[in-house]
Amino acid sequence: MGDVRDLRSAASVRRRDAQAVVGELVVQAERSAPRAVRHWVMRTIADADVGGAPNQVVELLTAELVSNAVVHGPDGGDVRVEVRIDGATVRVSVRDTGGGTPTVGHPEPTAPSGRGLALVEALSTDWGIHPHRDGKTVWFEVRTDE
């Protein structure tokens, strides 16, 4: 899968305070990245006692955003994923160095792709895009108590 760099400061997720859990992972933009990140995110949030439907929603939406970063970012570039669990909110941010601004698509029912951000919009509590000079960050939040 290429170089996977786990930037967490401890063997598990580092705690910034009694409430927040933060983890960060950097992978290369290649086909296996969404699966690797999805598994890492699942473990990270499960270690913070996030389970059930919220865990599955975070897993799905993370895979969608990382897939978009791989497809629309530069070949072999870095994809940086941050997970922040603060109380009952899980926030996942995916940063890449690709150009353009992502938009929510509404493809035909038979279209093979183009639904990722529509899923993020429909299933997350909140989401957004932060453009950077060298790319963008797409993020979403899921409440675990709803």
Protein backbone atom coordinates (compact mmCIF):
# COMPACT_ATOMS: atom_id res chain seq x y z
CA MET A 1 0.00 0.00 0.00
CA GLY A 2 2.93 2.32 0.14
CA ASP A 3 4.08 4.40 3.05
CA VAL A 4 1.60 4.71 5.92
CA ARG A 5 2.72 7.12 8.59
CA ASP A 6 0.78 7.13 11.84
CA LEU A 7 1.40 10.53 13.42
CA ARG A 8 -0.17 9.75 16.78
CA SER A 9 2.21 10.46 19.63
CA ALA A 10 1.49 7.22 21.52
CA ALA A 11 0.68 3.60 20.74
CA SER A 12 -2.97 4.47 21.14
CA VAL A 13 -4.73 7.73 20.51
CA ARG A 14 -3.31 10.67 22.46
CA ARG A 15 -5.57 12.52 24.84
CA ARG A 16 -5.42 16.31 24.86
CA ASP A 17 -7.76 16.56 27.80
CA ALA A 18 -10.21 14.38 29.68
CA GLN A 19 -12.81 14.77 26.92
CA ALA A 20 -11.05 14.96 23.55
CA VAL A 21 -9.29 12.20 21.63
CA VAL A 22 -7.28 13.11 18.54
CA GLY A 23 -5.50 10.91 16.03
CA GLU A 24 -3.86 11.61 12.70
CA LEU A 25 -2.77 9.32 9.88
CA VAL A 26 -1.02 10.08 6.59
CA VAL A 27 -1.25 7.70 3.63
CA GLN A 28 -0.26 7.89 0.00
CA ALA A 29 -3.04 8.51 -2.50
CA GLU A 30 -3.41 5.05 -3.98
CA ARG A 31 -6.22 2.50 -4.40
CA SER A 32 -5.66 0.76 -1.06
CA ALA A 33 -5.72 3.99 0.99
CA PRO A 34 -9.50 4.14 1.64
CA ARG A 35 -9.53 0.63 3.11
CA ALA A 36 -6.47 1.24 5.29
CA VAL A 37 -7.82 4.55 6.59
CA ARG A 38 -11.29 3.07 7.15
CA HIS A 39 -9.83 0.32 9.36
CA TRP A 40 -7.67 2.80 11.27
CA VAL A 41 -10.62 5.12 11.89
CA MET A 42 -12.82 2.21 13.02
CA ARG A 43 -10.19 1.14 15.57
CA THR A 44 -9.61 4.71 16.73
CA ILE A 45 -13.25 5.46 17.42
CA ALA A 46 -13.96 2.00 18.85
CA ASP A 47 -11.09 2.58 21.32
CA ALA A 48 -13.01 5.71 22.38
CA ASP A 49 -16.16 3.60 22.93
CA VAL A 50 -17.95 4.81 19.79
CA GLY A 51 -19.89 1.86 18.42
CA GLY A 52 -23.12 0.92 16.70
CA ALA A 53 -24.62 3.05 13.94
CA PRO A 54 -22.39 6.11 14.54
CA ASN A 55 -19.29 3.94 14.09
CA GLN A 56 -20.66 2.57 10.81
CA VAL A 57 -21.60 6.04 9.52
CA VAL A 58 -18.13 7.40 10.33
CA GLU A 59 -16.57 4.38 8.60
CA LEU A 60 -18.64 4.88 5.43
CA LEU A 61 -18.14 8.65 5.21
CA THR A 62 -14.41 8.39 5.88
CA ALA A 63 -14.04 5.88 3.03
CA GLU A 64 -15.96 8.21 0.71
CA LEU A 65 -13.78 11.23 1.49
CA VAL A 66 -10.52 9.31 1.22
CA SER A 67 -11.68 7.75 -2.06
CA ASN A 68 -12.40 11.24 -3.40
CA ALA A 69 -8.94 12.41 -2.29
CA VAL A 70 -7.33 9.46 -4.08
CA VAL A 71 -9.35 9.91 -7.29
CA HIS A 72 -9.17 13.70 -7.51
CA GLY A 73 -5.78 14.36 -5.86
CA PRO A 74 -2.34 13.99 -7.40
CA ASP A 75 -1.07 10.44 -7.96
CA GLY A 76 1.02 9.29 -5.03
CA GLY A 77 0.41 12.48 -3.05
CA ASP A 78 -0.25 12.47 0.66
CA VAL A 79 -3.73 12.21 2.14
CA ARG A 80 -3.84 13.41 5.75
CA VAL A 81 -6.71 12.19 7.91
CA GLU A 82 -7.50 13.54 11.35
CA VAL A 83 -10.05 12.09 13.76
CA ARG A 84 -11.23 14.13 16.73
CA ILE A 85 -13.64 12.74 19.28
CA ASP A 86 -14.87 15.43 21.62
CA GLY A 87 -17.71 14.41 23.87
CA ALA A 88 -20.50 13.06 21.69
CA THR A 89 -19.06 14.40 18.41
CA VAL A 90 -16.72 12.59 16.02
CA ARG A 91 -15.05 14.86 13.47
CA VAL A 92 -13.06 13.45 10.55
CA SER A 93 -11.00 15.75 8.31
CA VAL A 94 -9.38 14.61 5.06
CA ARG A 95 -6.75 16.86 3.48
CA ASP A 96 -5.18 16.41 0.05
CA THR A 97 -3.19 18.54 -2.37
CA GLY A 98 -5.62 18.17 -5.27
CA GLY A 99 -7.11 21.18 -6.99
CA GLY A 100 -10.71 22.09 -7.52
CA THR A 101 -13.61 22.45 -5.14
CA PRO A 102 -15.68 19.37 -4.37
CA THR A 103 -19.40 19.64 -5.05
CA VAL A 104 -22.36 17.51 -4.09
CA GLY A 105 -23.36 15.48 -7.12
CA HIS A 106 -26.77 14.15 -8.05
CA PRO A 107 -25.94 11.53 -10.67
CA GLU A 108 -28.43 9.39 -12.53
CA PRO A 109 -29.44 6.24 -10.64
CA THR A 110 -27.42 4.08 -13.03
CA ALA A 111 -24.23 6.19 -12.79
CA PRO A 112 -21.33 4.21 -11.30
CA SER A 113 -20.07 7.03 -9.04
CA GLY A 114 -20.62 10.59 -7.89
CA ARG A 115 -22.62 10.04 -4.69
CA GLY A 116 -19.89 10.41 -2.05
CA LEU A 117 -20.55 13.98 -0.96
CA ALA A 118 -24.31 13.43 -1.18
CA LEU A 119 -23.84 10.66 1.39
CA VAL A 120 -21.72 12.95 3.55
CA GLU A 121 -24.38 15.67 3.32
CA ALA A 122 -27.22 13.24 4.14
CA LEU A 123 -25.62 11.22 6.95
CA SER A 124 -23.40 13.68 8.82
CA THR A 125 -24.48 16.15 11.47
CA ASP A 126 -22.40 18.85 9.76
CA TRP A 127 -19.73 19.01 7.07
CA GLY A 128 -17.71 21.47 5.05
CA ILE A 129 -14.75 22.26 2.82
CA HIS A 130 -11.75 24.42 3.68
CA PRO A 131 -9.66 25.39 0.63
CA HIS A 132 -5.91 25.82 1.09
CA ARG A 133 -3.32 27.27 -1.24
CA ASP A 134 -1.98 23.74 -1.72
CA GLY A 135 -5.24 21.74 -1.73
CA LYS A 136 -8.28 21.38 0.49
CA THR A 137 -9.67 19.78 3.61
CA VAL A 138 -13.09 18.15 3.54
CA TRP A 139 -14.53 17.36 6.96
CA PHE A 140 -17.66 15.96 8.56
CA GLU A 141 -19.06 15.51 12.04
CA VAL A 142 -21.28 12.75 13.39
CA ARG A 143 -23.05 12.98 16.75
CA THR A 144 -22.87 9.72 18.68
CA ASP A 145 -25.82 10.46 20.96
CA GLU A 146 -28.56 10.93 18.36
